[in-house]
Amino acid sequence: MPPSKKFQRDHIINATYEVVKNEGLQVVNARRIAKELNSSVQPIYLNFSTMEELKNAVIEKIYHTYIGYMRQGANEEKAYQGMGMAYIRFARDYPNFFKILFMTESNLSPDCFIQNDDMGNDVLQTGQIFSGLSLEEQKKFHLKVWVFTHGIATLAATSTVNFTDEEIKELLGSTVREMLMGFKIERKQGEK
């Protein structure tokens, strides 16, 4: 009977997750993870065919962390604003994770980027409830809101500006209201 594995797959994923959280994805290699595990590289290659497979498993775990933040934001009284706040909090709390998910080259169109998963669709539906816009109008409006929100999140993730939660809430709230008023004025002018 072969000996049992000392390090299970989840243990290696969790160790790599911690390394990425603190140091970024660029430092992930078999030796660095083995050092974190206080072992040789052998357990890594017993559990993962390639380092790319391990990185993909860690990115999936990172994505689940992000989804947890977004779901929490969706449960706030002002869900659309809550989701924007959650996006920014995720960037501030996990800058390396945010950079992996949202600051790497993807070459997606704006529509695909915003609607690349169920969470993107949830944000659009929540936004429609807030704005009273049609789905097509909400997509256009949300792109503008997302660009603004992503800017704040990027400033937070790169420690360029240290906003408080209250400052973020005020920026998001007032800017989104102003954008919505402008969007509705443009729509009325287009109907004339």
C-alpha atoms as a PDB file:
ATOM      1  CA  MET A   1       0.000   0.000   0.000  1.00  0.00           C
ATOM      2  CA  PRO A   2       1.476   3.393  -0.988  1.00  0.00           C
ATOM      3  CA  PRO A   3       2.098   5.911   1.786  1.00  0.00           C
ATOM      4  CA  SER A   4      -0.589   8.547   2.250  1.00  0.00           C
ATOM      5  CA  LYS A   5       0.126  12.010   0.947  1.00  0.00           C
ATOM      6  CA  LYS A   6       1.387  14.365   3.638  1.00  0.00           C
ATOM      7  CA  PHE A   7       0.082  17.394   1.743  1.00  0.00           C
ATOM      8  CA  GLN A   8      -3.351  17.224   0.210  1.00  0.00           C
ATOM      9  CA  ARG A   9      -4.360  19.323  -2.772  1.00  0.00           C
ATOM     10  CA  ASP A  10      -6.345  21.806  -0.633  1.00  0.00           C
ATOM     11  CA  HIS A  11      -3.391  22.310   1.704  1.00  0.00           C
ATOM     12  CA  ILE A  12      -1.174  23.270  -1.245  1.00  0.00           C
ATOM     13  CA  ILE A  13      -3.849  25.555  -2.723  1.00  0.00           C
ATOM     14  CA  ASN A  14      -4.296  27.296   0.645  1.00  0.00           C
ATOM     15  CA  ALA A  15      -0.550  27.798   1.069  1.00  0.00           C
ATOM     16  CA  THR A  16      -0.274  29.210  -2.454  1.00  0.00           C
ATOM     17  CA  TYR A  17      -3.291  31.461  -1.820  1.00  0.00           C
ATOM     18  CA  GLU A  18      -1.472  32.969   1.186  1.00  0.00           C
ATOM     19  CA  VAL A  19       1.713  33.487  -0.827  1.00  0.00           C
ATOM     20  CA  VAL A  20      -0.238  35.207  -3.612  1.00  0.00           C
ATOM     21  CA  LYS A  21      -2.161  37.338  -1.104  1.00  0.00           C
ATOM     22  CA  ASN A  22       1.068  38.648   0.410  1.00  0.00           C
ATOM     23  CA  GLU A  23       3.509  38.603  -2.513  1.00  0.00           C
ATOM     24  CA  GLY A  24       1.571  38.322  -5.782  1.00  0.00           C
ATOM     25  CA  LEU A  25       1.157  35.638  -8.421  1.00  0.00           C
ATOM     26  CA  GLN A  26       4.490  36.441 -10.069  1.00  0.00           C
ATOM     27  CA  VAL A  27       6.443  34.791  -7.206  1.00  0.00           C
ATOM     28  CA  VAL A  28       4.602  31.475  -7.475  1.00  0.00           C
ATOM     29  CA  ASN A  29       6.868  28.633  -8.466  1.00  0.00           C
ATOM     30  CA  ALA A  30       7.388  25.139  -7.071  1.00  0.00           C
ATOM     31  CA  ARG A  31      10.322  26.135  -4.862  1.00  0.00           C
ATOM     32  CA  ARG A  32       8.514  29.121  -3.338  1.00  0.00           C
ATOM     33  CA  ILE A  33       5.443  27.030  -2.487  1.00  0.00           C
ATOM     34  CA  ALA A  34       7.604  24.181  -1.163  1.00  0.00           C
ATOM     35  CA  LYS A  35       9.307  26.708   1.117  1.00  0.00           C
ATOM     36  CA  GLU A  36       5.885  27.896   2.347  1.00  0.00           C
ATOM     37  CA  LEU A  37       4.917  24.261   3.025  1.00  0.00           C
ATOM     38  CA  ASN A  38       8.308  23.538   4.594  1.00  0.00           C
ATOM     39  CA  SER A  39       8.724  20.582   2.252  1.00  0.00           C
ATOM     40  CA  SER A  40      10.255  19.550  -1.038  1.00  0.00           C
ATOM     41  CA  VAL A  41       8.598  20.240  -4.397  1.00  0.00           C
ATOM     42  CA  GLN A  42       7.507  16.600  -4.669  1.00  0.00           C
ATOM     43  CA  PRO A  43       4.092  17.021  -2.939  1.00  0.00           C
ATOM     44  CA  ILE A  44       3.251  19.830  -5.341  1.00  0.00           C
ATOM     45  CA  TYR A  45       3.891  17.695  -8.409  1.00  0.00           C
ATOM     46  CA  LEU A  46       2.130  14.703  -6.857  1.00  0.00           C
ATOM     47  CA  ASN A  47      -1.029  16.822  -6.586  1.00  0.00           C
ATOM     48  CA  PHE A  48      -0.707  19.045  -9.674  1.00  0.00           C
ATOM     49  CA  SER A  49       0.511  18.113 -13.156  1.00  0.00           C
ATOM     50  CA  THR A  50       1.869  21.603 -13.749  1.00  0.00           C
ATOM     51  CA  MET A  51       2.327  24.865 -11.895  1.00  0.00           C
ATOM     52  CA  GLU A  52      -0.264  26.335 -14.257  1.00  0.00           C
ATOM     53  CA  GLU A  53      -2.824  23.881 -12.878  1.00  0.00           C
ATOM     54  CA  LEU A  54      -1.993  25.022  -9.335  1.00  0.00           C
ATOM     55  CA  LYS A  55      -2.199  28.701 -10.333  1.00  0.00           C
ATOM     56  CA  ASN A  56      -5.603  28.127 -11.939  1.00  0.00           C
ATOM     57  CA  ALA A  57      -6.863  26.430  -8.766  1.00  0.00           C
ATOM     58  CA  VAL A  58      -5.654  29.394  -6.705  1.00  0.00           C
ATOM     59  CA  ILE A  59      -7.265  31.896  -9.080  1.00  0.00           C
ATOM     60  CA  GLU A  60     -10.534  30.003  -8.698  1.00  0.00           C
ATOM     61  CA  LYS A  61     -10.218  30.312  -4.901  1.00  0.00           C
ATOM     62  CA  ILE A  62      -9.442  34.026  -5.289  1.00  0.00           C
ATOM     63  CA  TYR A  63     -12.533  34.425  -7.463  1.00  0.00           C
ATOM     64  CA  HIS A  64     -14.672  32.787  -4.755  1.00  0.00           C
ATOM     65  CA  THR A  65     -13.297  35.302  -2.251  1.00  0.00           C
ATOM     66  CA  TYR A  66     -14.330  38.112  -4.615  1.00  0.00           C
ATOM     67  CA  ILE A  67     -17.816  36.613  -5.074  1.00  0.00           C
ATOM     68  CA  GLY A  68     -18.199  36.513  -1.284  1.00  0.00           C
ATOM     69  CA  TYR A  69     -17.523  40.251  -1.137  1.00  0.00           C
ATOM     70  CA  MET A  70     -19.973  40.975  -3.951  1.00  0.00           C
ATOM     71  CA  ARG A  71     -22.746  38.884  -2.399  1.00  0.00           C
ATOM     72  CA  GLN A  72     -22.259  40.717   0.875  1.00  0.00           C
ATOM     73  CA  GLY A  73     -22.576  44.025  -0.997  1.00  0.00           C
ATOM     74  CA  ALA A  74     -25.726  42.816  -2.762  1.00  0.00           C
ATOM     75  CA  ASN A  75     -27.325  42.218   0.641  1.00  0.00           C
ATOM     76  CA  GLU A  76     -26.926  45.844   1.733  1.00  0.00           C
ATOM     77  CA  GLU A  77     -29.968  48.142   1.809  1.00  0.00           C
ATOM     78  CA  LYS A  78     -28.750  50.014  -1.281  1.00  0.00           C
ATOM     79  CA  ALA A  79     -27.625  46.924  -3.179  1.00  0.00           C
ATOM     80  CA  TYR A  80     -26.224  48.645  -6.286  1.00  0.00           C
ATOM     81  CA  GLN A  81     -24.099  50.979  -4.171  1.00  0.00           C
ATOM     82  CA  GLY A  82     -23.262  48.068  -1.859  1.00  0.00           C
ATOM     83  CA  MET A  83     -21.878  46.066  -4.769  1.00  0.00           C
ATOM     84  CA  GLY A  84     -19.732  49.009  -5.854  1.00  0.00           C
ATOM     85  CA  MET A  85     -18.475  49.397  -2.288  1.00  0.00           C
ATOM     86  CA  ALA A  86     -17.761  45.653  -2.125  1.00  0.00           C
ATOM     87  CA  TYR A  87     -15.733  45.825  -5.352  1.00  0.00           C
ATOM     88  CA  ILE A  88     -13.624  48.640  -3.901  1.00  0.00           C
ATOM     89  CA  ARG A  89     -13.267  46.936  -0.495  1.00  0.00           C
ATOM     90  CA  PHE A  90     -12.053  43.782  -2.227  1.00  0.00           C
ATOM     91  CA  ALA A  91      -9.420  45.872  -4.059  1.00  0.00           C
ATOM     92  CA  ARG A  92      -8.334  47.519  -0.815  1.00  0.00           C
ATOM     93  CA  ASP A  93      -8.335  44.326   1.293  1.00  0.00           C
ATOM     94  CA  TYR A  94      -6.743  42.063  -1.334  1.00  0.00           C
ATOM     95  CA  PRO A  95      -4.741  44.238  -3.744  1.00  0.00           C
ATOM     96  CA  ASN A  96      -2.809  41.321  -5.236  1.00  0.00           C
ATOM     97  CA  PHE A  97      -6.018  39.377  -5.822  1.00  0.00           C
ATOM     98  CA  PHE A  98      -7.697  42.423  -7.368  1.00  0.00           C
ATOM     99  CA  LYS A  99      -4.756  42.931  -9.722  1.00  0.00           C
ATOM    100  CA  ILE A 100      -4.974  39.292 -10.849  1.00  0.00           C
ATOM    101  CA  LEU A 101      -8.708  39.412 -11.516  1.00  0.00           C
ATOM    102  CA  PHE A 102      -9.123  42.964 -12.823  1.00  0.00           C
ATOM    103  CA  MET A 103      -5.777  44.483 -13.772  1.00  0.00           C
ATOM    104  CA  THR A 104      -4.336  41.925 -16.153  1.00  0.00           C
ATOM    105  CA  GLU A 105      -4.663  41.838 -19.906  1.00  0.00           C
ATOM    106  CA  SER A 106      -7.874  40.148 -20.994  1.00  0.00           C
ATOM    107  CA  ASN A 107      -8.728  41.753 -24.362  1.00  0.00           C
ATOM    108  CA  LEU A 108     -12.454  41.424 -23.648  1.00  0.00           C
ATOM    109  CA  SER A 109     -14.971  43.866 -25.051  1.00  0.00           C
ATOM    110  CA  PRO A 110     -16.597  46.086 -22.389  1.00  0.00           C
ATOM    111  CA  ASP A 111     -19.859  44.085 -22.627  1.00  0.00           C
ATOM    112  CA  CYS A 112     -18.048  40.777 -22.212  1.00  0.00           C
ATOM    113  CA  PHE A 113     -15.976  42.073 -19.317  1.00  0.00           C
ATOM    114  CA  ILE A 114     -19.003  43.333 -17.414  1.00  0.00           C
ATOM    115  CA  GLN A 115     -21.110  40.245 -18.149  1.00  0.00           C
ATOM    116  CA  ASN A 116     -18.396  37.598 -18.026  1.00  0.00           C
ATOM    117  CA  ASP A 117     -20.129  35.673 -15.237  1.00  0.00           C
ATOM    118  CA  ASP A 118     -23.354  35.391 -13.254  1.00  0.00           C
ATOM    119  CA  MET A 119     -22.166  38.105 -10.861  1.00  0.00           C
ATOM    120  CA  GLY A 120     -21.986  40.563 -13.770  1.00  0.00           C
ATOM    121  CA  ASN A 121     -25.594  39.749 -14.624  1.00  0.00           C
ATOM    122  CA  ASP A 122     -26.593  40.153 -10.960  1.00  0.00           C
ATOM    123  CA  VAL A 123     -24.992  43.604 -10.893  1.00  0.00           C
ATOM    124  CA  LEU A 124     -26.883  44.613 -14.046  1.00  0.00           C
ATOM    125  CA  GLN A 125     -30.210  43.397 -12.635  1.00  0.00           C
ATOM    126  CA  THR A 126     -29.588  45.153  -9.314  1.00  0.00           C
ATOM    127  CA  GLY A 127     -28.682  48.300 -11.233  1.00  0.00           C
ATOM    128  CA  GLN A 128     -31.907  48.087 -13.236  1.00  0.00           C
ATOM    129  CA  ILE A 129     -33.918  48.018 -10.004  1.00  0.00           C
ATOM    130  CA  PHE A 130     -32.014  51.100  -8.809  1.00  0.00           C
ATOM    131  CA  SER A 131     -32.146  53.053 -12.070  1.00  0.00           C
ATOM    132  CA  GLY A 132     -35.430  52.041 -13.661  1.00  0.00           C
ATOM    133  CA  LEU A 133     -33.660  51.709 -17.019  1.00  0.00           C
ATOM    134  CA  SER A 134     -34.198  49.036 -19.657  1.00  0.00           C
ATOM    135  CA  LEU A 135     -31.580  46.275 -19.818  1.00  0.00           C
ATOM    136  CA  GLU A 136     -29.863  47.854 -22.838  1.00  0.00           C
ATOM    137  CA  GLU A 137     -29.843  51.283 -21.180  1.00  0.00           C
ATOM    138  CA  GLN A 138     -28.583  49.742 -17.942  1.00  0.00           C
ATOM    139  CA  LYS A 139     -25.675  48.111 -19.780  1.00  0.00           C
ATOM    140  CA  LYS A 140     -24.599  51.507 -21.144  1.00  0.00           C
ATOM    141  CA  PHE A 141     -25.128  53.234 -17.803  1.00  0.00           C
ATOM    142  CA  HIS A 142     -23.367  50.488 -15.858  1.00  0.00           C
ATOM    143  CA  LEU A 143     -20.314  50.668 -18.115  1.00  0.00           C
ATOM    144  CA  LYS A 144     -19.891  54.316 -17.084  1.00  0.00           C
ATOM    145  CA  VAL A 145     -20.460  53.499 -13.413  1.00  0.00           C
ATOM    146  CA  TRP A 146     -18.068  50.548 -13.585  1.00  0.00           C
ATOM    147  CA  VAL A 147     -15.293  52.638 -15.174  1.00  0.00           C
ATOM    148  CA  PHE A 148     -15.634  55.157 -12.329  1.00  0.00           C
ATOM    149  CA  THR A 149     -15.816  52.447  -9.641  1.00  0.00           C
ATOM    150  CA  HIS A 150     -12.877  50.584 -11.160  1.00  0.00           C
ATOM    151  CA  GLY A 151     -10.851  53.795 -11.025  1.00  0.00           C
ATOM    152  CA  ILE A 152     -11.432  54.131  -7.280  1.00  0.00           C
ATOM    153  CA  ALA A 153     -10.725  50.418  -6.787  1.00  0.00           C
ATOM    154  CA  THR A 154      -7.465  50.710  -8.739  1.00  0.00           C
ATOM    155  CA  LEU A 155      -6.406  53.695  -6.627  1.00  0.00           C
ATOM    156  CA  ALA A 156      -7.134  51.600  -3.526  1.00  0.00           C
ATOM    157  CA  ALA A 157      -5.391  48.453  -4.819  1.00  0.00           C
ATOM    158  CA  THR A 158      -2.230  50.373  -5.698  1.00  0.00           C
ATOM    159  CA  SER A 159      -2.299  52.389  -2.438  1.00  0.00           C
ATOM    160  CA  THR A 160      -2.292  55.572  -4.501  1.00  0.00           C
ATOM    161  CA  VAL A 161      -5.105  57.076  -2.421  1.00  0.00           C
ATOM    162  CA  ASN A 162      -6.366  55.849   0.942  1.00  0.00           C
ATOM    163  CA  PHE A 163     -10.115  56.523   0.918  1.00  0.00           C
ATOM    164  CA  THR A 164     -12.246  55.881   3.995  1.00  0.00           C
ATOM    165  CA  ASP A 165     -15.465  53.888   3.595  1.00  0.00           C
ATOM    166  CA  GLU A 166     -17.447  57.096   4.111  1.00  0.00           C
ATOM    167  CA  GLU A 167     -15.495  58.922   1.390  1.00  0.00           C
ATOM    168  CA  ILE A 168     -16.050  56.027  -1.000  1.00  0.00           C
ATOM    169  CA  LYS A 169     -19.758  55.869  -0.170  1.00  0.00           C
ATOM    170  CA  GLU A 170     -20.120  59.620  -0.770  1.00  0.00           C
ATOM    171  CA  LEU A 171     -18.145  59.509  -4.038  1.00  0.00           C
ATOM    172  CA  LEU A 172     -20.095  56.540  -5.352  1.00  0.00           C
ATOM    173  CA  GLY A 173     -23.480  57.792  -4.204  1.00  0.00           C
ATOM    174  CA  SER A 174     -23.234  61.338  -5.515  1.00  0.00           C
ATOM    175  CA  THR A 175     -21.451  60.455  -8.756  1.00  0.00           C
ATOM    176  CA  VAL A 176     -23.812  57.612  -9.639  1.00  0.00           C
ATOM    177  CA  ARG A 177     -26.851  59.833  -8.949  1.00  0.00           C
ATOM    178  CA  GLU A 178     -25.362  62.584 -11.146  1.00  0.00           C
ATOM    179  CA  MET A 179     -24.543  60.088 -13.892  1.00  0.00           C
ATOM    180  CA  LEU A 180     -28.084  58.698 -13.769  1.00  0.00           C
ATOM    181  CA  MET A 181     -29.636  62.178 -13.983  1.00  0.00           C
ATOM    182  CA  GLY A 182     -27.388  62.977 -16.942  1.00  0.00           C
ATOM    183  CA  PHE A 183     -28.207  59.662 -18.602  1.00  0.00           C
ATOM    184  CA  LYS A 184     -31.955  60.285 -18.240  1.00  0.00           C
ATOM    185  CA  ILE A 185     -31.621  63.865 -19.553  1.00  0.00           C
ATOM    186  CA  GLU A 186     -29.723  62.574 -22.605  1.00  0.00           C
ATOM    187  CA  ARG A 187     -32.432  59.955 -23.150  1.00  0.00           C
ATOM    188  CA  LYS A 188     -35.196  62.619 -23.026  1.00  0.00           C
ATOM    189  CA  GLN A 189     -33.297  64.850 -25.443  1.00  0.00           C
ATOM    190  CA  GLY A 190     -32.902  61.898 -27.797  1.00  0.00           C
ATOM    191  CA  GLU A 191     -36.675  61.340 -27.773  1.00  0.00           C
ATOM    192  CA  LYS A 192     -37.388  64.883 -29.040  1.00  0.00           C
END
